[in-house]
C-alpha atoms as a PDB file:
ATOM      1  CA  UNK A   1     -19.168  23.120   9.799  1.00  0.00           C
ATOM      2  CA  UNK A   2     -18.144  19.731  11.187  1.00  0.00           C
ATOM      3  CA  UNK A   3     -16.548  17.466   8.588  1.00  0.00           C
ATOM      4  CA  UNK A   4     -16.006  14.545  10.974  1.00  0.00           C
ATOM      5  CA  UNK A   5     -17.817  13.702  14.218  1.00  0.00           C
ATOM      6  CA  UNK A   6     -16.632  10.710  16.235  1.00  0.00           C
ATOM      7  CA  UNK A   7     -18.945   9.936  19.150  1.00  0.00           C
ATOM      8  CA  UNK A   8     -18.276   7.496  21.998  1.00  0.00           C
ATOM      9  CA  UNK A   9     -16.535   4.787  19.969  1.00  0.00           C
ATOM     10  CA  UNK A  10     -15.297   1.580  21.588  1.00  0.00           C
ATOM     11  CA  UNK A  11     -12.831  -0.557  19.627  1.00  0.00           C
ATOM     12  CA  UNK A  12     -11.286  -3.927  20.462  1.00  0.00           C
ATOM     13  CA  UNK A  13      -8.542  -6.177  19.140  1.00  0.00           C
ATOM     14  CA  UNK A  14     -10.027  -9.533  20.019  1.00  0.00           C
ATOM     15  CA  UNK A  15     -10.638  -9.325  23.775  1.00  0.00           C
ATOM     16  CA  UNK A  16      -8.269  -6.363  24.185  1.00  0.00           C
ATOM     17  CA  UNK A  17     -10.288  -3.211  24.923  1.00  0.00           C
ATOM     18  CA  UNK A  18      -8.372  -0.422  23.159  1.00  0.00           C
ATOM     19  CA  UNK A  19     -10.616   2.604  22.524  1.00  0.00           C
ATOM     20  CA  UNK A  20     -12.819   3.259  25.516  1.00  0.00           C
ATOM     21  CA  UNK A  21     -15.422   5.841  24.558  1.00  0.00           C
ATOM     22  CA  UNK A  22     -13.516   8.281  22.329  1.00  0.00           C
ATOM     23  CA  UNK A  23     -15.249  11.458  21.129  1.00  0.00           C
ATOM     24  CA  UNK A  24     -13.797  14.232  18.980  1.00  0.00           C
ATOM     25  CA  UNK A  25     -14.637  16.279  15.889  1.00  0.00           C
ATOM     26  CA  UNK A  26     -12.933  18.050  12.998  1.00  0.00           C
ATOM     27  CA  UNK A  27     -14.140  21.301  11.441  1.00  0.00           C
ATOM     28  CA  UNK A  28     -13.834  22.046   7.732  1.00  0.00           C
ATOM     29  CA  UNK A  29     -10.420  23.424   6.827  1.00  0.00           C
ATOM     30  CA  UNK A  30      -8.930  22.807  10.271  1.00  0.00           C
ATOM     31  CA  UNK A  31      -5.978  20.750  11.499  1.00  0.00           C
ATOM     32  CA  UNK A  32      -6.411  18.751  14.689  1.00  0.00           C
ATOM     33  CA  UNK A  33      -3.646  16.735  16.298  1.00  0.00           C
ATOM     34  CA  UNK A  34      -3.906  13.521  18.312  1.00  0.00           C
ATOM     35  CA  UNK A  35      -1.106  13.252  20.861  1.00  0.00           C
ATOM     36  CA  UNK A  36      -0.125  10.649  23.403  1.00  0.00           C
ATOM     37  CA  UNK A  37       2.471   8.104  24.392  1.00  0.00           C
ATOM     38  CA  UNK A  38       2.996   4.912  22.384  1.00  0.00           C
ATOM     39  CA  UNK A  39       0.127   2.501  22.939  1.00  0.00           C
ATOM     40  CA  UNK A  40      -2.379   5.238  23.818  1.00  0.00           C
ATOM     41  CA  UNK A  41      -4.701   4.208  20.979  1.00  0.00           C
ATOM     42  CA  UNK A  42      -3.971   6.891  18.377  1.00  0.00           C
ATOM     43  CA  UNK A  43      -3.392   4.566  15.421  1.00  0.00           C
ATOM     44  CA  UNK A  44      -6.354   2.425  16.445  1.00  0.00           C
ATOM     45  CA  UNK A  45      -8.486   5.562  16.349  1.00  0.00           C
ATOM     46  CA  UNK A  46      -7.326   6.285  12.793  1.00  0.00           C
ATOM     47  CA  UNK A  47      -8.037   2.666  11.826  1.00  0.00           C
ATOM     48  CA  UNK A  48     -11.499   2.910  13.356  1.00  0.00           C
ATOM     49  CA  UNK A  49     -12.362   6.013  11.326  1.00  0.00           C
ATOM     50  CA  UNK A  50     -11.301   4.155   8.154  1.00  0.00           C
ATOM     51  CA  UNK A  51     -13.104   0.996   9.402  1.00  0.00           C
ATOM     52  CA  UNK A  52      -9.969  -1.124   9.149  1.00  0.00           C
ATOM     53  CA  UNK A  53     -10.621  -1.948  12.804  1.00  0.00           C
ATOM     54  CA  UNK A  54     -14.370  -1.367  13.209  1.00  0.00           C
ATOM     55  CA  UNK A  55     -15.651   0.021  16.510  1.00  0.00           C
ATOM     56  CA  UNK A  56     -18.084  -2.252  18.323  1.00  0.00           C
ATOM     57  CA  UNK A  57     -20.030   0.704  19.726  1.00  0.00           C
ATOM     58  CA  UNK A  58     -20.364   4.386  18.941  1.00  0.00           C
ATOM     59  CA  UNK A  59     -20.887   6.433  15.807  1.00  0.00           C
ATOM     60  CA  UNK A  60     -18.720   8.071  13.137  1.00  0.00           C
ATOM     61  CA  UNK A  61     -20.315  10.769  10.978  1.00  0.00           C
ATOM     62  CA  UNK A  62     -18.586  12.227   7.896  1.00  0.00           C
ATOM     63  CA  UNK A  63     -20.234  15.221   6.202  1.00  0.00           C
ATOM     64  CA  UNK A  64     -23.534  14.309   7.838  1.00  0.00           C
ATOM     65  CA  UNK A  65     -23.417  10.649   6.749  1.00  0.00           C
ATOM     66  CA  UNK A  66     -23.057   7.727   9.150  1.00  0.00           C
ATOM     67  CA  UNK A  67     -19.961   5.817   7.971  1.00  0.00           C
ATOM     68  CA  UNK A  68     -19.534   3.631  11.058  1.00  0.00           C
ATOM     69  CA  UNK A  69     -20.305   0.382   9.243  1.00  0.00           C
ATOM     70  CA  UNK A  70     -19.218   1.271   5.712  1.00  0.00           C
ATOM     71  CA  UNK A  71     -16.376  -0.732   4.108  1.00  0.00           C
ATOM     72  CA  UNK A  72     -13.071   1.145   3.811  1.00  0.00           C
ATOM     73  CA  UNK A  73     -13.219   1.555   0.021  1.00  0.00           C
ATOM     74  CA  UNK A  74     -16.548   3.399   0.257  1.00  0.00           C
ATOM     75  CA  UNK A  75     -15.198   5.607   3.052  1.00  0.00           C
ATOM     76  CA  UNK A  76     -12.280   6.525   0.772  1.00  0.00           C
ATOM     77  CA  UNK A  77     -14.650   7.320  -2.089  1.00  0.00           C
ATOM     78  CA  UNK A  78     -16.687   9.614   0.144  1.00  0.00           C
ATOM     79  CA  UNK A  79     -13.590  11.765   0.704  1.00  0.00           C
ATOM     80  CA  UNK A  80     -11.351  10.463   3.494  1.00  0.00           C
ATOM     81  CA  UNK A  81      -7.695   9.953   2.577  1.00  0.00           C
ATOM     82  CA  UNK A  82      -5.037   8.137   4.588  1.00  0.00           C
ATOM     83  CA  UNK A  83      -1.266   8.542   4.822  1.00  0.00           C
ATOM     84  CA  UNK A  84      -0.578   5.617   7.168  1.00  0.00           C
ATOM     85  CA  UNK A  85       2.186   5.104   9.678  1.00  0.00           C
ATOM     86  CA  UNK A  86       5.153   3.511   7.940  1.00  0.00           C
ATOM     87  CA  UNK A  87       4.015   4.942   4.562  1.00  0.00           C
ATOM     88  CA  UNK A  88       2.977   1.502   3.178  1.00  0.00           C
ATOM     89  CA  UNK A  89       3.965   2.293  -0.398  1.00  0.00           C
ATOM     90  CA  UNK A  90       4.451  -0.374  -3.077  1.00  0.00           C
ATOM     91  CA  UNK A  91       8.214  -0.841  -3.013  1.00  0.00           C
ATOM     92  CA  UNK A  92       8.312  -2.792  -6.303  1.00  0.00           C
ATOM     93  CA  UNK A  93       6.448  -0.116  -8.298  1.00  0.00           C
ATOM     94  CA  UNK A  94       7.874   3.113  -9.649  1.00  0.00           C
ATOM     95  CA  UNK A  95       6.766   6.468  -8.305  1.00  0.00           C
ATOM     96  CA  UNK A  96       4.802   7.057 -11.508  1.00  0.00           C
ATOM     97  CA  UNK A  97       3.068   3.686 -11.237  1.00  0.00           C
ATOM     98  CA  UNK A  98       2.146   4.293  -7.584  1.00  0.00           C
ATOM     99  CA  UNK A  99       0.600   7.633  -8.487  1.00  0.00           C
ATOM    100  CA  UNK A 100      -1.226   6.224 -11.504  1.00  0.00           C
ATOM    101  CA  UNK A 101      -2.803   3.518  -9.345  1.00  0.00           C
ATOM    102  CA  UNK A 102      -4.265   6.190  -7.065  1.00  0.00           C
ATOM    103  CA  UNK A 103      -5.290   8.729  -9.700  1.00  0.00           C
ATOM    104  CA  UNK A 104      -8.978   9.341 -10.328  1.00  0.00           C
ATOM    105  CA  UNK A 105      -8.435  11.195 -13.608  1.00  0.00           C
ATOM    106  CA  UNK A 106      -8.024  14.765 -14.746  1.00  0.00           C
ATOM    107  CA  UNK A 107     -11.596  15.835 -13.974  1.00  0.00           C
ATOM    108  CA  UNK A 108     -10.805  15.905 -10.255  1.00  0.00           C
ATOM    109  CA  UNK A 109      -8.997  18.661  -8.364  1.00  0.00           C
ATOM    110  CA  UNK A 110      -5.917  16.604  -7.474  1.00  0.00           C
ATOM    111  CA  UNK A 111      -4.085  15.195 -10.499  1.00  0.00           C
ATOM    112  CA  UNK A 112      -0.633  13.661 -10.913  1.00  0.00           C
ATOM    113  CA  UNK A 113       0.642  16.931 -12.388  1.00  0.00           C
ATOM    114  CA  UNK A 114      -0.606  18.839  -9.364  1.00  0.00           C
ATOM    115  CA  UNK A 115       0.998  16.338  -6.982  1.00  0.00           C
ATOM    116  CA  UNK A 116       4.304  16.810  -8.782  1.00  0.00           C
ATOM    117  CA  UNK A 117       3.964  20.593  -8.489  1.00  0.00           C
ATOM    118  CA  UNK A 118       3.411  20.159  -4.727  1.00  0.00           C
ATOM    119  CA  UNK A 119       6.266  17.639  -4.428  1.00  0.00           C
ATOM    120  CA  UNK A 120       8.821  18.532  -7.154  1.00  0.00           C
ATOM    121  CA  UNK A 121      11.162  15.875  -5.804  1.00  0.00           C
ATOM    122  CA  UNK A 122       8.697  13.170  -6.859  1.00  0.00           C
ATOM    123  CA  UNK A 123       8.745  14.582 -10.375  1.00  0.00           C
ATOM    124  CA  UNK A 124      12.501  14.017 -10.452  1.00  0.00           C
ATOM    125  CA  UNK A 125      12.067  10.382  -9.380  1.00  0.00           C
ATOM    126  CA  UNK A 126       9.087   9.179 -11.413  1.00  0.00           C
ATOM    127  CA  UNK A 127      11.005   6.148 -12.708  1.00  0.00           C
ATOM    128  CA  UNK A 128      12.522   5.228  -9.331  1.00  0.00           C
ATOM    129  CA  UNK A 129      11.129   2.264  -7.436  1.00  0.00           C
ATOM    130  CA  UNK A 130       9.275   3.106  -4.242  1.00  0.00           C
ATOM    131  CA  UNK A 131      11.624   0.913  -2.224  1.00  0.00           C
ATOM    132  CA  UNK A 132      14.615   2.958  -3.395  1.00  0.00           C
ATOM    133  CA  UNK A 133      13.273   6.299  -2.193  1.00  0.00           C
ATOM    134  CA  UNK A 134      14.475   8.038   0.955  1.00  0.00           C
ATOM    135  CA  UNK A 135      12.166   8.178   3.964  1.00  0.00           C
ATOM    136  CA  UNK A 136      11.161  11.741   3.156  1.00  0.00           C
ATOM    137  CA  UNK A 137      10.432  10.894  -0.463  1.00  0.00           C
ATOM    138  CA  UNK A 138       8.344   7.907   0.605  1.00  0.00           C
ATOM    139  CA  UNK A 139       6.341  10.166   2.896  1.00  0.00           C
ATOM    140  CA  UNK A 140       5.748  12.594   0.030  1.00  0.00           C
ATOM    141  CA  UNK A 141       4.556   9.683  -2.089  1.00  0.00           C
ATOM    142  CA  UNK A 142       2.238   8.450   0.664  1.00  0.00           C
ATOM    143  CA  UNK A 143       0.654  11.896   1.021  1.00  0.00           C
ATOM    144  CA  UNK A 144       0.476  12.343  -2.747  1.00  0.00           C
ATOM    145  CA  UNK A 145      -1.259   8.989  -3.084  1.00  0.00           C
ATOM    146  CA  UNK A 146      -3.819  10.030  -0.471  1.00  0.00           C
ATOM    147  CA  UNK A 147      -4.440  13.383  -2.169  1.00  0.00           C
ATOM    148  CA  UNK A 148      -5.088  11.713  -5.521  1.00  0.00           C
ATOM    149  CA  UNK A 149      -8.245  10.289  -3.986  1.00  0.00           C
ATOM    150  CA  UNK A 150      -9.382  13.940  -3.824  1.00  0.00           C
ATOM    151  CA  UNK A 151     -10.273  13.835  -0.126  1.00  0.00           C
ATOM    152  CA  UNK A 152     -11.916  16.521   1.969  1.00  0.00           C
ATOM    153  CA  UNK A 153     -10.287  15.011   5.073  1.00  0.00           C
ATOM    154  CA  UNK A 154      -6.852  13.428   5.246  1.00  0.00           C
ATOM    155  CA  UNK A 155      -5.578  11.315   8.143  1.00  0.00           C
ATOM    156  CA  UNK A 156      -1.801  11.460   8.653  1.00  0.00           C
ATOM    157  CA  UNK A 157      -0.333   8.914  11.048  1.00  0.00           C
ATOM    158  CA  UNK A 158       3.169   9.818  12.281  1.00  0.00           C
ATOM    159  CA  UNK A 159       4.234  11.643   9.078  1.00  0.00           C
ATOM    160  CA  UNK A 160       7.527  12.931  10.566  1.00  0.00           C
ATOM    161  CA  UNK A 161       8.661   9.518  11.822  1.00  0.00           C
ATOM    162  CA  UNK A 162      12.301   8.947  10.819  1.00  0.00           C
ATOM    163  CA  UNK A 163      12.640  12.229   8.911  1.00  0.00           C
ATOM    164  CA  UNK A 164      15.586  14.621   9.124  1.00  0.00           C
ATOM    165  CA  UNK A 165      14.833  18.089  10.599  1.00  0.00           C
ATOM    166  CA  UNK A 166      15.016  19.779   7.170  1.00  0.00           C
ATOM    167  CA  UNK A 167      12.394  17.420   5.765  1.00  0.00           C
ATOM    168  CA  UNK A 168      10.209  17.882   8.843  1.00  0.00           C
ATOM    169  CA  UNK A 169      10.164  21.630   8.184  1.00  0.00           C
ATOM    170  CA  UNK A 170       9.358  21.014   4.520  1.00  0.00           C
ATOM    171  CA  UNK A 171       6.508  18.694   5.469  1.00  0.00           C
ATOM    172  CA  UNK A 172       5.144  21.328   7.842  1.00  0.00           C
ATOM    173  CA  UNK A 173       5.052  23.859   5.008  1.00  0.00           C
ATOM    174  CA  UNK A 174       3.164  21.397   2.818  1.00  0.00           C
ATOM    175  CA  UNK A 175       0.578  20.705   5.530  1.00  0.00           C
ATOM    176  CA  UNK A 176       0.073  24.456   5.931  1.00  0.00           C
ATOM    177  CA  UNK A 177      -0.507  24.764   2.179  1.00  0.00           C
ATOM    178  CA  UNK A 178      -3.099  21.994   2.295  1.00  0.00           C
ATOM    179  CA  UNK A 179      -4.953  23.721   5.129  1.00  0.00           C
ATOM    180  CA  UNK A 180      -4.992  26.961   3.116  1.00  0.00           C
ATOM    181  CA  UNK A 181      -6.841  24.999   0.430  1.00  0.00           C
ATOM    182  CA  UNK A 182      -9.551  24.122   3.000  1.00  0.00           C
ATOM    183  CA  UNK A 183      -8.458  20.503   3.389  1.00  0.00           C
ATOM    184  CA  UNK A 184      -9.226  19.156   6.869  1.00  0.00           C
ATOM    185  CA  UNK A 185      -6.410  17.179   8.516  1.00  0.00           C
ATOM    186  CA  UNK A 186      -6.115  14.799  11.443  1.00  0.00           C
ATOM    187  CA  UNK A 187      -2.460  14.637  12.462  1.00  0.00           C
ATOM    188  CA  UNK A 188      -1.170  11.864  14.711  1.00  0.00           C
ATOM    189  CA  UNK A 189       2.272  12.892  15.950  1.00  0.00           C
ATOM    190  CA  UNK A 190       5.013  12.232  18.479  1.00  0.00           C
ATOM    191  CA  UNK A 191       6.793  15.467  17.529  1.00  0.00           C
ATOM    192  CA  UNK A 192       4.979  17.811  19.905  1.00  0.00           C
ATOM    193  CA  UNK A 193       6.434  21.080  18.631  1.00  0.00           C
ATOM    194  CA  UNK A 194       5.703  20.196  15.009  1.00  0.00           C
ATOM    195  CA  UNK A 195       2.130  19.190  15.802  1.00  0.00           C
ATOM    196  CA  UNK A 196       1.224  22.188  17.963  1.00  0.00           C
ATOM    197  CA  UNK A 197       2.688  24.698  15.524  1.00  0.00           C
ATOM    198  CA  UNK A 198       0.417  23.339  12.772  1.00  0.00           C
ATOM    199  CA  UNK A 199      -2.755  22.309  14.566  1.00  0.00           C
ATOM    200  CA  UNK A 200      -5.726  24.442  15.529  1.00  0.00           C
ATOM    201  CA  UNK A 201      -6.821  22.044  18.264  1.00  0.00           C
ATOM    202  CA  UNK A 202      -5.071  19.300  20.233  1.00  0.00           C
ATOM    203  CA  UNK A 203      -6.387  16.109  21.812  1.00  0.00           C
ATOM    204  CA  UNK A 204      -4.297  13.973  24.150  1.00  0.00           C
ATOM    205  CA  UNK A 205      -5.002  10.256  24.416  1.00  0.00           C
ATOM    206  CA  UNK A 206      -4.063   7.958  27.284  1.00  0.00           C
ATOM    207  CA  UNK A 207      -5.069   4.310  27.705  1.00  0.00           C
ATOM    208  CA  UNK A 208      -7.665   4.479  24.962  1.00  0.00           C
ATOM    209  CA  UNK A 209      -9.389   7.663  26.120  1.00  0.00           C
ATOM    210  CA  UNK A 210      -9.274  11.380  25.354  1.00  0.00           C
ATOM    211  CA  UNK A 211      -7.929  12.833  28.595  1.00  0.00           C
ATOM    212  CA  UNK A 212      -7.379  16.432  27.509  1.00  0.00           C
ATOM    213  CA  UNK A 213      -8.367  18.738  24.670  1.00  0.00           C
ATOM    214  CA  UNK A 214      -7.821  22.430  24.048  1.00  0.00           C
ATOM    215  CA  UNK A 215      -6.756  24.897  21.382  1.00  0.00           C
ATOM    216  CA  UNK A 216      -3.148  24.124  20.509  1.00  0.00           C
ATOM    217  CA  UNK A 217      -1.811  27.422  21.821  1.00  0.00           C
ATOM    218  CA  UNK A 218      -3.154  26.603  25.274  1.00  0.00           C
ATOM    219  CA  UNK A 219      -1.366  23.262  25.401  1.00  0.00           C
ATOM    220  CA  UNK A 220       1.901  24.908  24.373  1.00  0.00           C
ATOM    221  CA  UNK A 221       2.058  26.660  27.734  1.00  0.00           C
ATOM    222  CA  UNK A 222       0.435  23.977  29.901  1.00  0.00           C
ATOM    223  CA  UNK A 223       3.522  22.442  31.448  1.00  0.00           C
ATOM    224  CA  UNK A 224       1.616  20.239  33.908  1.00  0.00           C
ATOM    225  CA  UNK A 225      -0.510  18.514  31.246  1.00  0.00           C
ATOM    226  CA  UNK A 226       2.486  17.950  28.980  1.00  0.00           C
ATOM    227  CA  UNK A 227       4.472  16.460  31.857  1.00  0.00           C
ATOM    228  CA  UNK A 228       1.643  14.218  33.052  1.00  0.00           C
ATOM    229  CA  UNK A 229       0.485  12.781  29.734  1.00  0.00           C
ATOM    230  CA  UNK A 230       3.349  13.299  27.282  1.00  0.00           C
ATOM    231  CA  UNK A 231       6.414  13.028  29.475  1.00  0.00           C
ATOM    232  CA  UNK A 232       7.664  16.451  28.324  1.00  0.00           C
END
């Protein structure tokens, strides 16, 4: 079953033509990774799915519903969560306040208590201001905030950026746990090894286009593609 289907989208920033006919899909309970050099269009693609930067042409279907022109708050309510690049947490609010703002109540699957069980470190820092957290803790908070919207699909944009190797491994374990719970994930990453170990399928972007896609295990051994498009 396809949770997300993105078909031939074209997105601009003013007159700058960024996404040039991008097509990809995400199956239920799968992890796909979007790879590519800086400036390839990965974050713009995430923003287009959320309609922060609406595509001018093309179609985005989520669970059979056309969401291409829906406002971002309705897209979130339908079940798409976002852990954005740079985390974007409220630095002047406590961890508890940030989670409370995102909570949809105890009748939903993801509650504050469940987030704390997934991220025990957040439970130890409920009274700490977001701006005082470490990078890893901020990333946990960003993911926890997204999960509290009870999404069926979560978009993670550069979640390992600036994290120490130990925290990267911990984050990988958490993403694996989320997949086991049938949550679909789109993972934008610069850390190639991290991404390919977690993802079922990989897409490489270059100059606003998908230039390669395959099961992740195939890309692991494709030295020529990695050299050409990723500089590895």
